[in-house]
Amino acid sequence: MAVPPSLPVGVVVWLMLAIGYAWDSADGQVARLRGGGSLVGEWLDHIIDSAKIVSLHVAVVVGVYRYVEPLEVTWLLVPLAFAVVATVTFFGMILNDLLRARLGVGQSTQAGGSSPLRAIAGIPTDYGTLCFVFVFWGWVPGFMVSYTLLALAAVLYLAAALAVWFRKMSALSGVQA
């Protein structure tokens, strides 16, 4: 958002986001390998993830507003909606784990089971995929189309996840959904 869109800027943004993502993932793996982590480490990880999730989409809004000519102002609703959807998704996963732990039920941040098809279907909602889209930052139409498609995938994922999460929470609390 600080400099005009270009292909080199897009590649640098992608690399920085990807490196940050790798470090964040590695940090959790190292903590698990060492026998757990600390409460403050997990707290800090979630705080930083929360800030990252919202900030990325806010940066898209600001960058597009500042540098895209002619600007279709209604397009700015895409990253704003994406920010809301990403935040609700993240909070939903965290809250599910918190409530399940409160009941003594195992942790599960996924909306359902795991399978190869589910893994492939999840590619559009993966943070690494979102990072890669920034390679197109210098080709504004390509960026806007790919970013919008990822936003739509995130909306569809959240809708499906909310239904599953609600059903699971209802079952855990003994409430008929």
N, C-alpha and C. Protein backbone atom coordinates (compact mmCIF):
# COMPACT_ATOMS: atom_id res chain seq x y z
N MET A 1 0.81 -1.19 0.00
CA MET A 1 0.00 0.00 0.00
C MET A 1 0.86 1.26 0.00
N ALA A 2 2.15 1.10 0.20
CA ALA A 2 3.04 2.26 0.29
C ALA A 2 3.60 2.67 -1.07
N VAL A 3 3.62 1.74 -2.02
CA VAL A 3 4.16 2.05 -3.35
C VAL A 3 3.19 1.57 -4.42
N PRO A 4 3.25 2.17 -5.60
CA PRO A 4 2.32 1.76 -6.67
C PRO A 4 2.51 0.29 -7.05
N PRO A 5 1.41 -0.34 -7.49
CA PRO A 5 1.49 -1.74 -7.91
C PRO A 5 2.44 -1.93 -9.08
N SER A 6 3.24 -2.99 -9.00
CA SER A 6 4.11 -3.40 -10.10
C SER A 6 4.41 -4.88 -9.89
N LEU A 7 4.86 -5.53 -10.95
CA LEU A 7 5.18 -6.96 -10.81
C LEU A 7 6.30 -7.19 -9.80
N PRO A 8 7.40 -6.39 -9.81
CA PRO A 8 8.43 -6.61 -8.78
C PRO A 8 7.90 -6.40 -7.36
N VAL A 9 7.07 -5.39 -7.17
CA VAL A 9 6.49 -5.16 -5.84
C VAL A 9 5.63 -6.36 -5.44
N GLY A 10 4.85 -6.87 -6.39
CA GLY A 10 4.01 -8.03 -6.10
C GLY A 10 4.82 -9.24 -5.70
N VAL A 11 5.93 -9.47 -6.38
CA VAL A 11 6.79 -10.61 -6.04
C VAL A 11 7.40 -10.42 -4.66
N VAL A 12 7.84 -9.20 -4.35
CA VAL A 12 8.42 -8.93 -3.03
C VAL A 12 7.36 -9.12 -1.93
N VAL A 13 6.16 -8.62 -2.17
CA VAL A 13 5.08 -8.78 -1.19
C VAL A 13 4.79 -10.26 -0.98
N TRP A 14 4.67 -11.00 -2.08
CA TRP A 14 4.42 -12.45 -1.98
C TRP A 14 5.52 -13.12 -1.17
N LEU A 15 6.79 -12.83 -1.49
CA LEU A 15 7.90 -13.46 -0.77
C LEU A 15 7.88 -13.12 0.72
N MET A 16 7.61 -11.86 1.04
CA MET A 16 7.58 -11.46 2.44
C MET A 16 6.43 -12.16 3.18
N LEU A 17 5.26 -12.22 2.55
CA LEU A 17 4.12 -12.90 3.16
C LEU A 17 4.41 -14.40 3.32
N ALA A 18 5.01 -15.00 2.29
CA ALA A 18 5.31 -16.43 2.33
C ALA A 18 6.35 -16.74 3.39
N ILE A 19 7.36 -15.92 3.51
CA ILE A 19 8.39 -16.13 4.54
C ILE A 19 7.78 -15.98 5.93
N GLY A 20 6.94 -14.96 6.11
CA GLY A 20 6.26 -14.79 7.39
C GLY A 20 5.38 -15.98 7.73
N TYR A 21 4.69 -16.48 6.72
CA TYR A 21 3.82 -17.65 6.90
C TYR A 21 4.65 -18.88 7.28
N ALA A 22 5.78 -19.06 6.62
CA ALA A 22 6.65 -20.20 6.93
C ALA A 22 7.19 -20.10 8.35
N TRP A 23 7.62 -18.91 8.76
CA TRP A 23 8.14 -18.72 10.12
C TRP A 23 7.04 -18.98 11.15
N ASP A 24 5.84 -18.49 10.87
CA ASP A 24 4.72 -18.70 11.79
C ASP A 24 4.41 -20.18 11.93
N SER A 25 4.40 -20.90 10.80
CA SER A 25 4.13 -22.34 10.83
C SER A 25 5.26 -23.09 11.53
N ALA A 26 6.49 -22.71 11.24
CA ALA A 26 7.65 -23.38 11.85
C ALA A 26 7.66 -23.17 13.36
N ASP A 27 7.29 -22.00 13.80
CA ASP A 27 7.26 -21.69 15.21
C ASP A 27 6.35 -22.66 15.96
N GLY A 28 5.17 -22.89 15.42
CA GLY A 28 4.24 -23.83 16.04
C GLY A 28 4.77 -25.25 16.03
N GLN A 29 5.39 -25.65 14.92
CA GLN A 29 5.95 -27.00 14.83
C GLN A 29 7.07 -27.19 15.85
N VAL A 30 7.92 -26.21 15.98
CA VAL A 30 9.03 -26.30 16.95
C VAL A 30 8.47 -26.40 18.36
N ALA A 31 7.45 -25.61 18.67
CA ALA A 31 6.86 -25.67 20.01
C ALA A 31 6.29 -27.06 20.28
N ARG A 32 5.60 -27.64 19.29
CA ARG A 32 5.03 -28.99 19.48
C ARG A 32 6.13 -30.03 19.63
N LEU A 33 7.20 -29.91 18.83
CA LEU A 33 8.31 -30.87 18.92
C LEU A 33 9.01 -30.80 20.27
N ARG A 34 9.03 -29.62 20.85
CA ARG A 34 9.69 -29.44 22.14
C ARG A 34 8.77 -29.78 23.30
N GLY A 35 7.58 -30.30 22.98
CA GLY A 35 6.70 -30.74 24.06
C GLY A 35 5.63 -29.73 24.44
N GLY A 36 5.31 -28.88 23.50
CA GLY A 36 4.22 -27.96 23.82
C GLY A 36 4.66 -26.54 23.66
N GLY A 37 4.45 -25.64 24.10
CA GLY A 37 4.81 -24.25 24.04
C GLY A 37 4.29 -23.67 25.32
N SER A 38 4.28 -22.40 25.37
CA SER A 38 3.79 -21.76 26.58
C SER A 38 2.43 -21.12 26.29
N LEU A 39 1.72 -20.85 27.33
CA LEU A 39 0.43 -20.18 27.22
C LEU A 39 0.62 -18.80 26.58
N VAL A 40 1.65 -18.09 27.01
CA VAL A 40 1.89 -16.75 26.46
C VAL A 40 2.32 -16.84 24.99
N GLY A 41 3.02 -17.91 24.62
CA GLY A 41 3.41 -18.09 23.22
C GLY A 41 2.20 -18.32 22.33
N GLU A 42 1.28 -19.14 22.80
CA GLU A 42 0.06 -19.37 22.02
C GLU A 42 -0.79 -18.11 21.95
N TRP A 43 -0.88 -17.40 23.06
CA TRP A 43 -1.63 -16.14 23.08
C TRP A 43 -1.04 -15.15 22.07
N LEU A 44 0.28 -15.00 22.11
CA LEU A 44 0.95 -14.07 21.20
C LEU A 44 0.76 -14.49 19.74
N ASP A 45 0.84 -15.79 19.47
CA ASP A 45 0.64 -16.30 18.11
C ASP A 45 -0.75 -15.92 17.61
N HIS A 46 -1.78 -16.10 18.44
CA HIS A 46 -3.14 -15.77 18.01
C HIS A 46 -3.34 -14.26 17.85
N ILE A 47 -2.73 -13.47 18.70
CA ILE A 47 -2.84 -12.01 18.57
C ILE A 47 -2.20 -11.55 17.26
N ILE A 48 -1.01 -12.05 16.96
CA ILE A 48 -0.33 -11.66 15.72
C ILE A 48 -1.11 -12.16 14.51
N ASP A 49 -1.61 -13.38 14.56
CA ASP A 49 -2.42 -13.90 13.45
C ASP A 49 -3.66 -13.04 13.24
N SER A 50 -4.32 -12.62 14.30
CA SER A 50 -5.50 -11.78 14.19
C SER A 50 -5.17 -10.45 13.50
N ALA A 51 -4.08 -9.85 13.93
CA ALA A 51 -3.66 -8.58 13.32
C ALA A 51 -3.30 -8.76 11.85
N LYS A 52 -2.61 -9.85 11.54
CA LYS A 52 -2.20 -10.14 10.16
C LYS A 52 -3.41 -10.34 9.26
N ILE A 53 -4.39 -11.08 9.74
CA ILE A 53 -5.57 -11.39 8.93
C ILE A 53 -6.28 -10.12 8.50
N VAL A 54 -6.51 -9.22 9.42
CA VAL A 54 -7.23 -7.99 9.09
C VAL A 54 -6.34 -7.02 8.32
N SER A 55 -5.11 -6.87 8.75
CA SER A 55 -4.20 -5.89 8.14
C SER A 55 -3.96 -6.14 6.66
N LEU A 56 -3.86 -7.39 6.26
CA LEU A 56 -3.60 -7.70 4.86
C LEU A 56 -4.71 -7.16 3.97
N HIS A 57 -5.96 -7.38 4.37
CA HIS A 57 -7.09 -6.92 3.56
C HIS A 57 -7.25 -5.40 3.62
N VAL A 58 -6.94 -4.81 4.76
CA VAL A 58 -6.96 -3.35 4.87
C VAL A 58 -5.89 -2.74 3.95
N ALA A 59 -4.73 -3.37 3.89
CA ALA A 59 -3.67 -2.90 2.99
C ALA A 59 -4.12 -2.96 1.53
N VAL A 60 -4.88 -4.00 1.16
CA VAL A 60 -5.40 -4.10 -0.20
C VAL A 60 -6.35 -2.93 -0.48
N VAL A 61 -7.25 -2.64 0.46
CA VAL A 61 -8.18 -1.52 0.29
C VAL A 61 -7.41 -0.22 0.07
N VAL A 62 -6.44 0.04 0.93
CA VAL A 62 -5.69 1.29 0.85
C VAL A 62 -4.87 1.33 -0.44
N GLY A 63 -4.19 0.23 -0.77
CA GLY A 63 -3.38 0.21 -1.99
C GLY A 63 -4.21 0.42 -3.25
N VAL A 64 -5.34 -0.23 -3.34
CA VAL A 64 -6.21 -0.06 -4.51
C VAL A 64 -6.76 1.36 -4.55
N TYR A 65 -7.20 1.85 -3.41
CA TYR A 65 -7.75 3.21 -3.36
C TYR A 65 -6.71 4.25 -3.79
N ARG A 66 -5.48 4.06 -3.36
CA ARG A 66 -4.43 5.05 -3.67
C ARG A 66 -3.93 4.97 -5.11
N TYR A 67 -3.85 3.76 -5.67
CA TYR A 67 -3.09 3.62 -6.92
C TYR A 67 -3.86 3.13 -8.14
N VAL A 68 -5.06 2.61 -7.97
CA VAL A 68 -5.76 2.06 -9.13
C VAL A 68 -6.60 3.15 -9.79
N GLU A 69 -6.32 3.39 -11.06
CA GLU A 69 -7.06 4.38 -11.86
C GLU A 69 -7.54 3.71 -13.13
N PRO A 70 -8.73 3.83 -13.58
CA PRO A 70 -9.85 4.42 -12.83
C PRO A 70 -10.30 3.45 -11.74
N LEU A 71 -10.71 4.01 -10.64
CA LEU A 71 -11.12 3.22 -9.49
C LEU A 71 -12.62 2.96 -9.52
N GLU A 72 -12.98 1.69 -9.46
CA GLU A 72 -14.38 1.32 -9.28
C GLU A 72 -14.55 1.16 -7.78
N VAL A 73 -15.10 2.19 -7.15
CA VAL A 73 -15.17 2.26 -5.69
C VAL A 73 -15.90 1.06 -5.09
N THR A 74 -16.90 0.55 -5.77
CA THR A 74 -17.64 -0.58 -5.20
C THR A 74 -16.74 -1.82 -5.07
N TRP A 75 -15.65 -1.89 -5.85
CA TRP A 75 -14.75 -3.03 -5.72
C TRP A 75 -14.09 -3.06 -4.34
N LEU A 76 -13.96 -1.89 -3.71
CA LEU A 76 -13.35 -1.84 -2.38
C LEU A 76 -14.13 -2.65 -1.35
N LEU A 77 -15.39 -2.96 -1.66
CA LEU A 77 -16.18 -3.80 -0.76
C LEU A 77 -15.63 -5.23 -0.71
N VAL A 78 -14.93 -5.66 -1.76
CA VAL A 78 -14.39 -7.02 -1.79
C VAL A 78 -13.38 -7.24 -0.66
N PRO A 79 -12.31 -6.43 -0.56
CA PRO A 79 -11.37 -6.67 0.54
C PRO A 79 -11.97 -6.39 1.91
N LEU A 80 -12.92 -5.44 1.99
CA LEU A 80 -13.56 -5.20 3.28
C LEU A 80 -14.38 -6.42 3.71
N ALA A 81 -15.13 -6.99 2.78
CA ALA A 81 -15.90 -8.20 3.09
C ALA A 81 -14.95 -9.36 3.38
N PHE A 82 -13.87 -9.46 2.62
CA PHE A 82 -12.88 -10.53 2.83
C PHE A 82 -12.30 -10.42 4.25
N ALA A 83 -12.04 -9.20 4.71
CA ALA A 83 -11.51 -9.00 6.06
C ALA A 83 -12.50 -9.52 7.10
N VAL A 84 -13.78 -9.23 6.91
CA VAL A 84 -14.80 -9.69 7.86
C VAL A 84 -14.87 -11.22 7.84
N VAL A 85 -14.93 -11.81 6.65
CA VAL A 85 -15.05 -13.27 6.53
C VAL A 85 -13.82 -13.96 7.12
N ALA A 86 -12.64 -13.45 6.83
CA ALA A 86 -11.41 -14.06 7.36
C ALA A 86 -11.35 -13.95 8.88
N THR A 87 -11.79 -12.83 9.41
CA THR A 87 -11.79 -12.64 10.86
C THR A 87 -12.78 -13.58 11.54
N VAL A 88 -13.99 -13.68 11.00
CA VAL A 88 -15.00 -14.57 11.58
C VAL A 88 -14.54 -16.02 11.49
N THR A 89 -13.93 -16.40 10.38
CA THR A 89 -13.43 -17.77 10.22
C THR A 89 -12.37 -18.08 11.28
N PHE A 90 -11.41 -17.18 11.43
CA PHE A 90 -10.35 -17.38 12.41
C PHE A 90 -10.92 -17.44 13.82
N PHE A 91 -11.77 -16.50 14.15
CA PHE A 91 -12.36 -16.48 15.49
C PHE A 91 -13.20 -17.73 15.73
N GLY A 92 -13.93 -18.17 14.71
CA GLY A 92 -14.74 -19.38 14.85
C GLY A 92 -13.89 -20.59 15.16
N MET A 93 -12.76 -20.74 14.47
CA MET A 93 -11.86 -21.87 14.74
C MET A 93 -11.32 -21.80 16.16
N ILE A 94 -10.89 -20.61 16.57
CA ILE A 94 -10.33 -20.44 17.92
C ILE A 94 -11.41 -20.71 18.97
N LEU A 95 -12.61 -20.16 18.75
CA LEU A 95 -13.69 -20.34 19.71
C LEU A 95 -14.12 -21.81 19.80
N ASN A 96 -14.17 -22.49 18.66
CA ASN A 96 -14.50 -23.92 18.68
C ASN A 96 -13.51 -24.68 19.56
N ASP A 97 -12.23 -24.42 19.36
CA ASP A 97 -11.21 -25.11 20.16
C ASP A 97 -11.35 -24.77 21.65
N LEU A 98 -11.61 -23.51 21.95
CA LEU A 98 -11.75 -23.07 23.33
C LEU A 98 -12.95 -23.76 24.00
N LEU A 99 -14.08 -23.77 23.32
CA LEU A 99 -15.28 -24.38 23.90
C LEU A 99 -15.16 -25.89 24.01
N ARG A 100 -14.53 -26.52 23.02
CA ARG A 100 -14.33 -27.97 23.08
C ARG A 100 -13.39 -28.32 24.24
N ALA A 101 -12.35 -27.53 24.42
CA ALA A 101 -11.41 -27.78 25.54
C ALA A 101 -12.12 -27.60 26.87
N ARG A 102 -13.01 -26.63 26.94
CA ARG A 102 -13.77 -26.40 28.18
C ARG A 102 -14.61 -27.62 28.55
N LEU A 103 -15.07 -28.35 27.53
CA LEU A 103 -15.85 -29.57 27.76
C LEU A 103 -14.97 -30.82 27.85
N GLY A 104 -13.67 -30.64 27.66
CA GLY A 104 -12.76 -31.78 27.71
C GLY A 104 -12.76 -32.60 26.44
N VAL A 105 -13.22 -32.01 25.34
CA VAL A 105 -13.25 -32.68 24.04
C VAL A 105 -11.99 -32.29 23.28
N GLY A 106 -11.43 -33.21 22.49
CA GLY A 106 -10.20 -32.96 21.74
C GLY A 106 -10.28 -31.74 20.84
N GLN A 107 -9.12 -31.19 20.56
CA GLN A 107 -9.02 -30.00 19.71
C GLN A 107 -9.30 -30.35 18.26
N SER A 108 -9.97 -29.46 17.55
CA SER A 108 -10.24 -29.64 16.12
C SER A 108 -10.51 -28.29 15.51
N THR A 109 -9.59 -27.81 14.67
CA THR A 109 -9.79 -26.52 14.02
C THR A 109 -10.39 -26.67 12.64
N GLN A 110 -10.66 -27.90 12.22
CA GLN A 110 -11.25 -28.10 10.91
C GLN A 110 -12.76 -28.19 11.04
N ALA A 111 -13.44 -27.84 9.93
CA ALA A 111 -14.89 -27.90 9.92
C ALA A 111 -15.39 -29.34 9.83
N GLY A 112 -14.57 -30.26 9.42
CA GLY A 112 -14.98 -31.65 9.26
C GLY A 112 -13.76 -32.54 9.26
N GLY A 113 -13.89 -33.73 8.69
CA GLY A 113 -12.79 -34.68 8.63
C GLY A 113 -11.75 -34.27 7.61
N SER A 114 -10.74 -35.12 7.46
CA SER A 114 -9.66 -34.83 6.53
C SER A 114 -9.66 -35.88 5.42
N SER A 115 -9.43 -35.43 4.20
CA SER A 115 -9.34 -36.33 3.05
C SER A 115 -8.58 -35.61 1.95
N PRO A 116 -8.07 -36.35 0.96
CA PRO A 116 -7.39 -35.68 -0.15
C PRO A 116 -8.30 -34.69 -0.90
N LEU A 117 -9.55 -35.08 -1.10
CA LEU A 117 -10.49 -34.18 -1.78
C LEU A 117 -10.71 -32.91 -0.97
N ARG A 118 -10.83 -33.07 0.35
CA ARG A 118 -11.01 -31.90 1.23
C ARG A 118 -9.78 -31.00 1.18
N ALA A 119 -8.60 -31.61 1.12
CA ALA A 119 -7.36 -30.82 1.05
C ALA A 119 -7.31 -30.02 -0.25
N ILE A 120 -7.69 -30.64 -1.35
CA ILE A 120 -7.70 -29.93 -2.64
C ILE A 120 -8.76 -28.83 -2.63
N ALA A 121 -9.94 -29.15 -2.09
CA ALA A 121 -11.01 -28.15 -2.03
C ALA A 121 -10.63 -26.96 -1.16
N GLY A 122 -9.73 -27.18 -0.19
CA GLY A 122 -9.32 -26.11 0.70
C GLY A 122 -8.24 -25.20 0.16
N ILE A 123 -7.67 -25.53 -0.99
CA ILE A 123 -6.59 -24.71 -1.56
C ILE A 123 -6.99 -23.24 -1.72
N PRO A 124 -8.20 -22.94 -2.23
CA PRO A 124 -8.55 -21.52 -2.38
C PRO A 124 -8.65 -20.76 -1.06
N THR A 125 -8.86 -21.47 0.04
CA THR A 125 -8.99 -20.78 1.33
C THR A 125 -7.70 -20.83 2.14
N ASP A 126 -6.65 -21.40 1.59
CA ASP A 126 -5.37 -21.50 2.29
C ASP A 126 -4.66 -20.15 2.27
N TYR A 127 -4.07 -19.77 3.39
CA TYR A 127 -3.37 -18.48 3.48
C TYR A 127 -2.21 -18.41 2.49
N GLY A 128 -1.56 -19.54 2.23
CA GLY A 128 -0.47 -19.56 1.25
C GLY A 128 -0.95 -19.20 -0.15
N THR A 129 -2.17 -19.63 -0.50
CA THR A 129 -2.75 -19.27 -1.79
C THR A 129 -3.00 -17.77 -1.84
N LEU A 130 -3.54 -17.23 -0.76
CA LEU A 130 -3.76 -15.78 -0.69
C LEU A 130 -2.44 -15.03 -0.86
N CYS A 131 -1.40 -15.50 -0.22
CA CYS A 131 -0.08 -14.86 -0.36
C CYS A 131 0.35 -14.86 -1.82
N PHE A 132 0.17 -15.99 -2.50
CA PHE A 132 0.62 -16.11 -3.89
C PHE A 132 -0.10 -15.14 -4.82
N VAL A 133 -1.36 -14.83 -4.56
CA VAL A 133 -2.13 -13.92 -5.42
C VAL A 133 -1.44 -12.56 -5.53
N PHE A 134 -0.65 -12.18 -4.55
CA PHE A 134 0.01 -10.88 -4.59
C PHE A 134 1.11 -10.81 -5.66
N VAL A 135 1.48 -11.94 -6.24
CA VAL A 135 2.38 -11.92 -7.39
C VAL A 135 1.74 -11.10 -8.52
N PHE A 136 0.41 -11.11 -8.58
CA PHE A 136 -0.32 -10.39 -9.61
C PHE A 136 -0.59 -8.92 -9.26
N TRP A 137 -0.07 -8.44 -8.17
CA TRP A 137 -0.33 -7.07 -7.72
C TRP A 137 -0.01 -6.03 -8.80
N GLY A 138 0.99 -6.30 -9.63
CA GLY A 138 1.34 -5.36 -10.70
C GLY A 138 0.44 -5.46 -11.92
N TRP A 139 -0.33 -6.51 -12.02
CA TRP A 139 -1.30 -6.68 -13.10
C TRP A 139 -2.67 -6.56 -12.43
N VAL A 140 -3.13 -5.33 -12.29
CA VAL A 140 -4.30 -5.02 -11.47
C VAL A 140 -5.54 -5.84 -11.84
N PRO A 141 -5.90 -5.95 -13.13
CA PRO A 141 -7.10 -6.76 -13.43
C PRO A 141 -6.94 -8.23 -12.99
N GLY A 142 -5.77 -8.81 -13.22
CA GLY A 142 -5.52 -10.18 -12.80
C GLY A 142 -5.59 -10.33 -11.29
N PHE A 143 -5.02 -9.34 -10.58
CA PHE A 143 -5.07 -9.38 -9.12
C PHE A 143 -6.51 -9.29 -8.64
N MET A 144 -7.25 -8.33 -9.17
CA MET A 144 -8.62 -8.12 -8.71
C MET A 144 -9.50 -9.35 -8.95
N VAL A 145 -9.35 -9.99 -10.10
CA VAL A 145 -10.14 -11.18 -10.40
C VAL A 145 -9.75 -12.33 -9.46
N SER A 146 -8.45 -12.60 -9.33
CA SER A 146 -8.02 -13.72 -8.49
C SER A 146 -8.34 -13.47 -7.02
N TYR A 147 -8.15 -12.25 -6.56
CA TYR A 147 -8.46 -11.89 -5.17
C TYR A 147 -9.96 -12.02 -4.90
N THR A 148 -10.77 -11.57 -5.85
CA THR A 148 -12.22 -11.67 -5.71
C THR A 148 -12.67 -13.13 -5.67
N LEU A 149 -12.07 -13.97 -6.51
CA LEU A 149 -12.40 -15.40 -6.50
C LEU A 149 -12.03 -16.05 -5.16
N LEU A 150 -10.88 -15.64 -4.59
CA LEU A 150 -10.50 -16.17 -3.28
C LEU A 150 -11.46 -15.67 -2.19
N ALA A 151 -11.90 -14.42 -2.32
CA ALA A 151 -12.87 -13.89 -1.36
C ALA A 151 -14.17 -14.68 -1.43
N LEU A 152 -14.62 -14.98 -2.63
CA LEU A 152 -15.83 -15.78 -2.81
C LEU A 152 -15.65 -17.18 -2.22
N ALA A 153 -14.50 -17.78 -2.45
CA ALA A 153 -14.21 -19.11 -1.87
C ALA A 153 -14.24 -19.03 -0.35
N ALA A 154 -13.70 -17.96 0.21
CA ALA A 154 -13.70 -17.80 1.67
C ALA A 154 -15.12 -17.67 2.21
N VAL A 155 -15.98 -16.96 1.49
CA VAL A 155 -17.39 -16.83 1.90
C VAL A 155 -18.07 -18.20 1.88
N LEU A 156 -17.86 -18.96 0.81
CA LEU A 156 -18.47 -20.28 0.70
C LEU A 156 -17.95 -21.23 1.78
N TYR A 157 -16.64 -21.18 2.03
CA TYR A 157 -16.05 -22.01 3.07
C TYR A 157 -16.65 -21.67 4.43
N LEU A 158 -16.73 -20.36 4.73
CA LEU A 158 -17.28 -19.95 6.02
C LEU A 158 -18.73 -20.39 6.17
N ALA A 159 -19.52 -20.25 5.13
CA ALA A 159 -20.92 -20.67 5.20
C ALA A 159 -21.02 -22.16 5.53
N ALA A 160 -20.21 -22.96 4.85
CA ALA A 160 -20.22 -24.41 5.11
C ALA A 160 -19.68 -24.71 6.51
N ALA A 161 -18.60 -24.05 6.90
CA ALA A 161 -18.00 -24.29 8.21
C ALA A 161 -18.95 -23.90 9.33
N LEU A 162 -19.64 -22.78 9.18
CA LEU A 162 -20.57 -22.35 10.23
C LEU A 162 -21.67 -23.38 10.45
N ALA A 163 -22.17 -23.96 9.36
CA ALA A 163 -23.22 -24.98 9.48
C ALA A 163 -22.68 -26.20 10.24
N VAL A 164 -21.48 -26.63 9.88
CA VAL A 164 -20.87 -27.80 10.55
C VAL A 164 -20.56 -27.47 12.00
N TRP A 165 -19.96 -26.33 12.24
CA TRP A 165 -19.60 -25.95 13.61
C TRP A 165 -20.84 -25.84 14.49
N PHE A 166 -21.91 -25.25 13.95
CA PHE A 166 -23.14 -25.11 14.73
C PHE A 166 -23.70 -26.48 15.08
N ARG A 167 -23.69 -27.37 14.11
CA ARG A 167 -24.20 -28.73 14.34
C ARG A 167 -23.36 -29.43 15.42
N LYS A 168 -22.04 -29.30 15.34
CA LYS A 168 -21.16 -29.95 16.32
C LYS A 168 -21.32 -29.33 17.71
N MET A 169 -21.44 -28.00 17.77
CA MET A 169 -21.64 -27.35 19.07
C MET A 169 -22.99 -27.73 19.65
N SER A 170 -24.00 -27.84 18.81
CA SER A 170 -25.33 -28.26 19.28
C SER A 170 -25.26 -29.66 19.86
N ALA A 171 -24.56 -30.55 19.19
CA ALA A 171 -24.42 -31.93 19.67
C ALA A 171 -23.66 -31.96 21.00
N LEU A 172 -22.61 -31.16 21.10
CA LEU A 172 -21.83 -31.13 22.35
C LEU A 172 -22.62 -30.57 23.51
N SER A 173 -23.50 -29.64 23.24
CA SER A 173 -24.26 -29.03 24.32
C SER A 173 -25.60 -29.71 24.55
N GLY A 174 -25.88 -30.76 23.74
CA GLY A 174 -27.12 -31.50 23.91
C GLY A 174 -28.34 -30.77 23.37
N VAL A 175 -28.12 -29.80 22.51
CA VAL A 175 -29.21 -29.03 21.93
C VAL A 175 -29.52 -29.59 20.55
N GLN A 176 -30.78 -29.72 20.22
CA GLN A 176 -31.16 -30.16 18.87
C GLN A 176 -31.07 -28.99 17.92
N ALA A 177 -30.31 -29.18 16.83
CA ALA A 177 -30.15 -28.10 15.84
C ALA A 177 -31.23 -28.19 14.78
